[in-house]
Each structure stands twice: as structure tokens, then as C-alpha cells.
Amino acid sequence: MTTKLAGMLIAYKAIEFGDFTLASGAKSTYYIDVKTAVTNPDLLSAIAAEVTGSQEFEVIAGVAVGGVSLAVATSLAAKKPYAIIRSSEKGHGKKDVVIGHVRGRKVLLIEDVTTSGGSALYGIDALKEAGAIVECVVTVVDREQGAAAMLAGHGIRLVPLVTVSDLLKE
């Protein structure tokens, strides 16, 4: 599936070349834009099918914004609940960072792109604080810049559907 997904990501322009500044402040000659690419239902469905067929979970969760459409699509494909992790606590209403029922459940976190793993760790921490059991993060594209090692240091396994190496050799 990696080759098929890599081809689809390229076809839907998930990788662009140029001079970019990443969220971490690092410079890069390419940018991975899964958020825009998955607005195509064929790609979104293929990702959801791959996750559903390869991972065990009770709830799928995504950090806003990039992980939400992935979590919803996977939820529909697996017929299992999903949760949304807000990027920050809101100042009104219930103020919950995690939307959805995760307490005591095995939750799979899905990310669009991982670089250092900081966003994934934020999501993991929020889920655990809400009582979830989190052991694994699935990412559509791993930029292979330390996320796997950093998450492993926290006892979390990173499963990339595609690596940036896969995209660069297509």
C-alpha cells in the first residue's frame, strides 16, 4: 500500500518543492501538505482503509486541524468512534481539550505529517490526561526527522503509512 499511497500523495500534490519554513522554524526544500491533498475523497478513503486494515483501536483521534479529517474518515471506515484534540483549551463552555469519549479505551492517534513528533506528543499527553490508553501513532507521512525516536523514548510506536523517502523516490 505504501507505493500506492505515495503515488496518490504525489498525484494530489501533497509534496511541493521550493524554499519553505516549517512550523519548527527549520528550513526545507520541500513541503508536505497532506491537509490539502486529503480534500480529495479518493486519497482520504485510501488512507482510512489502510489504517483500518492495519491497526487495532477502539477510538481514533486526531489533533486539530490536520488530524481531524483523517480521524473522521477512519472512524467511518472502521465504524468506530473518533475523538478530536483541540490545539488549545477553549476559554468557555466545558473547556475540554479532548472531544469524545476516550477514558479507559485504546486510542490510536492519527497525524497528517510528523517531523519532530511534537504535535503527536501533545496529542498523546492530552489523550492520556483524559484517561485514554495510547500506545501508537499512525502518520500519513513521516519526514524522518526524529519523530519515531522521540516517541519511542515515551514508549509510543510510530507507524508511517509513507515516509518522505518514499515520496522523494517516486
Protein backbone atom coordinates (compact mmCIF):
# COMPACT_ATOMS: atom_id res chain seq x y z
CA MET A 1 0.00 0.00 0.00
CA THR A 2 2.91 2.37 0.64
CA THR A 3 3.68 2.63 -3.09
CA LYS A 4 0.01 3.22 -3.95
CA LEU A 5 -0.39 5.87 -1.24
CA ALA A 6 2.90 7.53 -2.20
CA GLY A 7 1.72 7.71 -5.80
CA MET A 8 -1.63 9.14 -4.75
CA LEU A 9 0.02 11.73 -2.48
CA ILE A 10 2.21 12.85 -5.38
CA ALA A 11 -0.73 12.91 -7.81
CA TYR A 12 -2.72 15.10 -5.42
CA LYS A 13 0.27 17.40 -4.90
CA ALA A 14 0.98 16.61 -1.25
CA ILE A 15 4.67 17.39 -1.84
CA GLU A 16 5.87 20.70 -3.21
CA PHE A 17 9.43 21.84 -3.88
CA GLY A 18 10.84 25.30 -3.13
CA ASP A 19 12.08 27.16 -0.07
CA PHE A 20 9.88 26.65 2.98
CA THR A 21 9.99 27.41 6.69
CA LEU A 22 8.46 24.61 8.75
CA ALA A 23 6.40 25.03 11.94
CA SER A 24 9.57 24.19 13.92
CA GLY A 25 11.35 27.11 12.26
CA ALA A 26 13.62 24.78 10.27
CA LYS A 27 14.18 25.46 6.57
CA SER A 28 13.29 22.86 3.95
CA THR A 29 13.48 22.50 0.17
CA TYR A 30 10.16 20.64 0.17
CA TYR A 31 6.82 20.93 1.91
CA ILE A 32 4.42 18.10 2.72
CA ASP A 33 0.80 19.29 2.54
CA VAL A 34 -1.41 16.32 3.41
CA LYS A 35 -4.21 18.62 4.66
CA THR A 36 -4.94 19.93 1.17
CA ALA A 37 -4.31 16.61 -0.59
CA VAL A 38 -6.87 14.75 1.55
CA THR A 39 -9.62 17.09 0.45
CA ASN A 40 -9.78 14.56 -2.41
CA PRO A 41 -12.11 11.75 -1.29
CA ASP A 42 -10.15 9.03 -3.14
CA LEU A 43 -6.99 9.76 -1.18
CA LEU A 44 -8.84 10.26 2.10
CA SER A 45 -10.64 6.93 1.65
CA ALA A 46 -7.42 5.11 0.76
CA ILE A 47 -5.73 6.40 3.92
CA ALA A 48 -8.72 5.43 6.09
CA ALA A 49 -8.82 1.95 4.55
CA GLU A 50 -5.10 1.43 5.15
CA VAL A 51 -5.34 2.48 8.81
CA THR A 52 -8.49 0.43 9.40
CA GLY A 53 -6.93 -2.66 7.87
CA SER A 54 -3.61 -2.44 9.68
CA GLN A 55 -4.23 -1.14 13.21
CA GLU A 56 -6.29 -2.18 16.22
CA PHE A 57 -8.06 0.51 18.20
CA GLU A 58 -11.32 1.33 19.95
CA VAL A 59 -11.25 5.07 19.17
CA ILE A 60 -9.34 7.00 16.50
CA ALA A 61 -8.21 10.52 17.43
CA GLY A 62 -6.74 13.47 15.57
CA VAL A 63 -5.25 16.79 16.62
CA ALA A 64 -6.96 19.81 15.05
CA VAL A 65 -6.63 20.69 12.21
CA GLY A 66 -4.63 18.14 10.22
CA GLY A 67 -5.74 15.01 12.05
CA VAL A 68 -9.48 15.69 12.21
CA SER A 69 -10.49 14.74 8.66
CA LEU A 70 -8.23 11.67 8.91
CA ALA A 71 -9.85 10.62 12.18
CA VAL A 72 -13.38 11.12 10.86
CA ALA A 73 -12.69 9.17 7.65
CA THR A 74 -11.06 6.33 9.59
CA SER A 75 -13.94 6.32 12.07
CA LEU A 76 -16.42 5.90 9.23
CA ALA A 77 -14.34 3.17 7.54
CA ALA A 78 -13.85 1.24 10.79
CA LYS A 79 -17.30 2.01 12.20
CA LYS A 80 -15.65 3.06 15.46
CA PRO A 81 -15.85 6.33 17.40
CA TYR A 82 -13.45 9.20 16.94
CA ALA A 83 -12.12 11.98 19.14
CA ILE A 84 -10.80 15.44 18.37
CA ILE A 85 -7.95 17.03 20.28
CA ARG A 86 -8.19 20.80 20.32
CA SER A 87 -5.00 22.70 19.60
CA SER A 88 -5.59 24.57 22.86
CA GLU A 89 -8.10 24.70 25.70
CA LYS A 90 -11.03 26.96 24.96
CA GLY A 91 -11.95 29.68 27.42
CA HIS A 92 -15.66 28.91 27.60
CA GLY A 93 -18.14 26.05 27.80
CA LYS A 94 -16.82 22.71 29.02
CA LYS A 95 -13.20 23.68 28.25
CA ASP A 96 -12.26 20.09 27.40
CA VAL A 97 -9.16 19.66 25.23
CA VAL A 98 -10.38 16.23 24.05
CA ILE A 99 -13.80 15.99 22.41
CA GLY A 100 -15.13 12.44 22.51
CA HIS A 101 -15.18 9.50 24.91
CA VAL A 102 -11.67 8.09 25.39
CA ARG A 103 -11.43 7.19 29.10
CA GLY A 104 -10.28 3.59 29.52
CA ARG A 105 -10.25 2.99 25.75
CA LYS A 106 -7.40 2.03 23.42
CA VAL A 107 -6.98 5.14 21.28
CA LEU A 108 -5.00 5.39 18.05
CA LEU A 109 -3.73 8.87 17.28
CA ILE A 110 -3.52 9.78 13.60
CA GLU A 111 -1.35 12.59 12.25
CA ASP A 112 -1.04 14.02 8.76
CA VAL A 113 2.72 14.65 8.91
CA THR A 114 5.33 14.01 11.60
CA THR A 115 8.66 15.79 11.77
CA SER A 116 9.99 16.06 15.33
CA GLY A 117 6.89 14.46 16.88
CA GLY A 118 5.93 17.48 18.97
CA SER A 119 2.32 17.65 17.78
CA ALA A 120 1.91 13.90 18.26
CA LEU A 121 3.30 14.12 21.80
CA TYR A 122 0.89 16.97 22.56
CA GLY A 123 -1.99 14.76 21.37
CA ILE A 124 -0.76 11.75 23.34
CA ASP A 125 -0.43 13.79 26.52
CA ALA A 126 -3.94 15.26 26.08
CA LEU A 127 -5.41 11.80 25.46
CA LYS A 128 -3.65 10.25 28.45
CA GLU A 129 -4.77 13.13 30.66
CA ALA A 130 -8.33 12.34 29.54
CA GLY A 131 -7.83 8.71 30.59
CA ALA A 132 -7.07 7.10 27.22
CA ILE A 133 -4.69 4.22 26.60
CA VAL A 134 -2.30 5.29 23.84
CA GLU A 135 0.49 3.09 22.50
CA CYS A 136 0.73 4.02 18.83
CA VAL A 137 0.59 6.95 16.44
CA VAL A 138 -0.10 6.50 12.74
CA THR A 139 1.16 9.23 10.45
CA VAL A 140 0.34 9.60 6.79
CA VAL A 141 3.85 10.93 6.05
CA ASP A 142 6.89 10.77 8.32
CA ARG A 143 9.52 13.34 7.36
CA GLU A 144 12.09 11.05 9.06
CA GLN A 145 13.48 13.85 11.20
CA GLY A 146 13.30 12.37 14.68
CA ALA A 147 9.62 11.76 15.45
CA ALA A 148 9.99 7.96 15.67
CA ALA A 149 12.92 8.13 18.09
CA MET A 150 11.36 10.85 20.22
CA LEU A 151 8.05 8.99 20.53
CA ALA A 152 9.86 5.70 21.22
CA GLY A 153 11.51 7.48 24.14
CA HIS A 154 7.99 7.97 25.53
CA GLY A 155 7.00 4.36 24.91
CA ILE A 156 4.96 5.17 21.80
CA ARG A 157 5.32 3.40 18.45
CA LEU A 158 5.18 5.49 15.28
CA VAL A 159 3.72 3.79 12.19
CA PRO A 160 4.20 5.79 8.99
CA LEU A 161 1.98 4.94 6.03
CA VAL A 162 4.55 6.66 3.80
CA THR A 163 7.96 8.16 4.51
CA VAL A 164 9.40 11.22 2.83
CA SER A 165 11.99 8.87 1.29
CA ASP A 166 9.10 7.05 -0.42
CA LEU A 167 7.82 10.33 -1.85
CA LEU A 168 11.22 11.57 -2.99
CA LYS A 169 11.97 8.39 -4.94
CA GLU A 170 8.59 8.35 -6.76
